[in-house]
Amino acid sequence: MDAAARVELRSEMEQFLYREARLLDSGRFYEWLGLFTDDATYWIPLQADQADPQTTSSIVYDDRRLLEVRIRQFQHPRAHARTPAPRTVHQVGNVQVVEAGAHHVRVGSTLVLVEYRRERQRVWGALVEHRLRRTADGLRIAAKRVDLVNSEAELDGIVCLF
């Protein structure tokens, strides 16, 4: 791949990740869910350098169906644990195309997430990896891994989506 194509690909990936962040910050969760493939996974490992979500505990390990349940619960009017809903700002940076094929792209990035809820502000930091797939409907998330920098600390309940 020549330099111009690499720049164009990275720009395309940045725009995709920025759009994903905007959907989350705007509370447009079903549109966000629409970015995922039917066989997608969403993983927040419990430990740094965790290799396999099937054989170890995770903070979150959802497939597409469980993500949909999570969003439905999140928006349910009687979900007292999530009332009031958090306001968030996702700051995506250091976007790098790690691997690119004809129908898939693996992208690494950093995330700083500011969450405000119940007169309390928290800041989350993470290394994120997206495995994106090109479909007839455009880019879709086949897998998303969010490695929180403080994953092994007391997290005091996570009520936002990364």
Protein backbone atom coordinates (compact mmCIF):
# COMPACT_ATOMS: atom_id res chain seq x y z
CA MET A 1 0.00 0.00 0.00
CA ASP A 2 1.47 3.37 -0.99
CA ALA A 3 1.73 6.36 1.36
CA ALA A 4 -1.34 8.15 -0.04
CA ALA A 5 -3.49 5.03 0.37
CA ARG A 6 -2.26 4.57 3.97
CA VAL A 7 -3.16 8.17 4.80
CA GLU A 8 -6.58 7.79 3.20
CA LEU A 9 -7.22 4.52 5.07
CA ARG A 10 -6.19 6.01 8.42
CA SER A 11 -8.43 9.03 7.79
CA GLU A 12 -11.35 6.72 7.01
CA MET A 13 -10.72 4.80 10.25
CA GLU A 14 -10.48 8.01 12.28
CA GLN A 15 -13.78 9.26 10.89
CA PHE A 16 -15.42 5.94 11.76
CA LEU A 17 -14.12 6.02 15.35
CA TYR A 18 -15.12 9.68 15.76
CA ARG A 19 -18.62 8.86 14.53
CA GLU A 20 -18.86 5.97 16.99
CA ALA A 21 -17.80 8.29 19.84
CA ARG A 22 -20.35 10.92 18.81
CA LEU A 23 -23.15 8.36 18.78
CA LEU A 24 -22.27 7.28 22.32
CA ASP A 25 -21.94 10.85 23.60
CA SER A 26 -25.29 11.75 22.02
CA GLY A 27 -27.07 8.80 23.61
CA ARG A 28 -27.87 7.31 20.20
CA PHE A 29 -27.25 3.77 21.44
CA TYR A 30 -29.32 1.88 18.88
CA GLU A 31 -27.49 3.67 16.06
CA TRP A 32 -24.24 2.73 17.82
CA LEU A 33 -25.40 -0.89 18.00
CA GLY A 34 -26.04 -0.70 14.26
CA LEU A 35 -22.29 -0.26 13.76
CA PHE A 36 -21.73 -3.84 14.96
CA THR A 37 -21.87 -6.98 12.83
CA ASP A 38 -24.32 -9.72 13.82
CA ASP A 39 -21.43 -11.85 15.13
CA ALA A 40 -19.63 -9.01 16.91
CA THR A 41 -18.05 -9.09 20.36
CA TYR A 42 -17.52 -6.24 22.85
CA TRP A 43 -14.83 -7.03 25.43
CA ILE A 44 -13.48 -5.19 28.46
CA PRO A 45 -10.81 -7.46 29.98
CA LEU A 46 -10.36 -7.64 33.73
CA GLN A 47 -6.57 -7.85 33.62
CA ALA A 48 -3.85 -6.22 31.58
CA ASP A 49 -2.63 -8.43 28.70
CA GLN A 50 -5.55 -10.82 29.10
CA ALA A 51 -5.48 -13.17 26.13
CA ASP A 52 -8.72 -15.12 26.14
CA PRO A 53 -12.17 -14.01 27.31
CA GLN A 54 -13.41 -17.61 27.25
CA THR A 55 -11.04 -18.92 29.94
CA THR A 56 -10.73 -15.91 32.27
CA SER A 57 -13.04 -13.43 33.95
CA SER A 58 -13.83 -10.17 32.20
CA ILE A 59 -15.45 -6.90 33.19
CA VAL A 60 -17.66 -7.24 30.11
CA TYR A 61 -17.73 -9.82 27.36
CA ASP A 62 -20.85 -9.39 25.24
CA ASP A 63 -21.95 -10.64 21.89
CA ARG A 64 -24.30 -8.57 19.74
CA ARG A 65 -27.42 -9.94 21.46
CA LEU A 66 -26.11 -9.13 24.94
CA LEU A 67 -25.13 -5.63 23.79
CA GLU A 68 -28.72 -5.12 22.69
CA VAL A 69 -29.97 -6.30 26.11
CA ARG A 70 -27.47 -3.97 27.82
CA ILE A 71 -28.79 -1.00 25.81
CA ARG A 72 -32.42 -1.91 26.48
CA GLN A 73 -31.71 -2.12 30.21
CA PHE A 74 -29.71 1.10 30.08
CA GLN A 75 -32.65 2.99 28.59
CA HIS A 76 -35.40 1.38 30.65
CA PRO A 77 -37.20 4.04 32.75
CA ARG A 78 -37.00 1.88 35.88
CA ALA A 79 -33.27 1.20 35.62
CA HIS A 80 -32.56 2.94 38.94
CA ALA A 81 -28.88 1.98 38.93
CA ARG A 82 -28.46 4.04 35.77
CA THR A 83 -30.65 6.99 36.73
CA PRO A 84 -29.66 9.61 35.98
CA ALA A 85 -27.93 8.51 32.82
CA PRO A 86 -24.30 9.59 32.62
CA ARG A 87 -23.20 12.36 30.29
CA THR A 88 -20.01 11.47 28.50
CA VAL A 89 -17.30 12.81 26.27
CA HIS A 90 -15.20 10.26 24.38
CA GLN A 91 -11.83 11.58 23.22
CA VAL A 92 -10.36 9.23 20.62
CA GLY A 93 -6.69 9.61 19.73
CA ASN A 94 -3.52 7.95 18.47
CA VAL A 95 -5.41 6.09 15.77
CA GLN A 96 -3.23 3.53 14.00
CA VAL A 97 -4.08 0.99 11.33
CA VAL A 98 -2.48 -2.18 12.69
CA GLU A 99 -3.51 -4.53 9.91
CA ALA A 100 -5.48 -4.11 6.70
CA GLY A 101 -6.89 -6.72 4.35
CA ALA A 102 -9.37 -6.64 1.51
CA HIS A 103 -12.40 -6.94 3.82
CA HIS A 104 -11.08 -6.20 7.29
CA VAL A 105 -9.07 -3.58 9.15
CA ARG A 106 -7.63 -3.81 12.67
CA VAL A 107 -7.31 -0.40 14.30
CA GLY A 108 -5.66 0.58 17.57
CA SER A 109 -6.45 3.82 19.39
CA THR A 110 -6.47 5.47 22.76
CA LEU A 111 -9.56 6.63 24.59
CA VAL A 112 -10.07 9.17 27.32
CA LEU A 113 -13.66 9.10 28.51
CA VAL A 114 -15.05 11.75 30.82
CA GLU A 115 -18.22 10.64 32.58
CA TYR A 116 -20.45 12.98 34.62
CA ARG A 117 -23.21 11.55 36.78
CA ARG A 118 -24.74 12.42 40.14
CA GLU A 119 -22.56 15.49 40.57
CA ARG A 120 -19.45 13.38 40.18
CA GLN A 121 -16.99 13.33 37.31
CA ARG A 122 -14.82 10.33 36.52
CA VAL A 123 -12.12 9.94 33.91
CA TRP A 124 -11.45 6.62 32.25
CA GLY A 125 -8.42 5.85 30.10
CA ALA A 126 -8.10 2.90 27.75
CA LEU A 127 -6.27 1.32 24.88
CA VAL A 128 -8.85 0.22 22.33
CA GLU A 129 -8.71 -2.19 19.45
CA HIS A 130 -11.39 -2.39 16.79
CA ARG A 131 -11.58 -5.18 14.26
CA LEU A 132 -13.62 -3.65 11.46
CA ARG A 133 -15.21 -5.45 8.56
CA ARG A 134 -16.20 -3.99 5.22
CA THR A 135 -19.80 -4.89 4.39
CA ALA A 136 -22.34 -3.84 1.80
CA ASP A 137 -23.56 -1.30 4.40
CA GLY A 138 -20.07 0.11 5.01
CA LEU A 139 -17.62 -0.47 7.85
CA ARG A 140 -18.93 -2.49 10.79
CA ILE A 141 -17.37 -3.49 14.10
CA ALA A 142 -16.67 -7.22 14.22
CA ALA A 143 -14.91 -6.95 17.59
CA LYS A 144 -14.12 -4.19 20.03
CA ARG A 145 -11.66 -4.59 22.91
CA VAL A 146 -11.33 -1.88 25.56
CA ASP A 147 -8.34 -2.29 27.89
CA LEU A 148 -8.95 0.09 30.79
CA VAL A 149 -5.73 1.35 32.34
CA ASN A 150 -7.24 0.74 35.79
CA SER A 151 -9.05 -2.52 35.02
CA GLU A 152 -7.65 -4.23 38.10
CA ALA A 153 -8.73 -1.43 40.47
CA GLU A 154 -12.00 -1.03 42.32
CA LEU A 155 -14.22 0.36 39.58
CA ASP A 156 -17.25 1.40 41.62
CA GLY A 157 -19.74 0.38 38.96
CA ILE A 158 -19.45 1.12 35.27
CA VAL A 159 -22.59 2.70 33.86
CA CYS A 160 -21.30 4.02 30.53
CA LEU A 161 -20.37 2.41 27.25
CA PHE A 162 -16.80 2.75 26.02
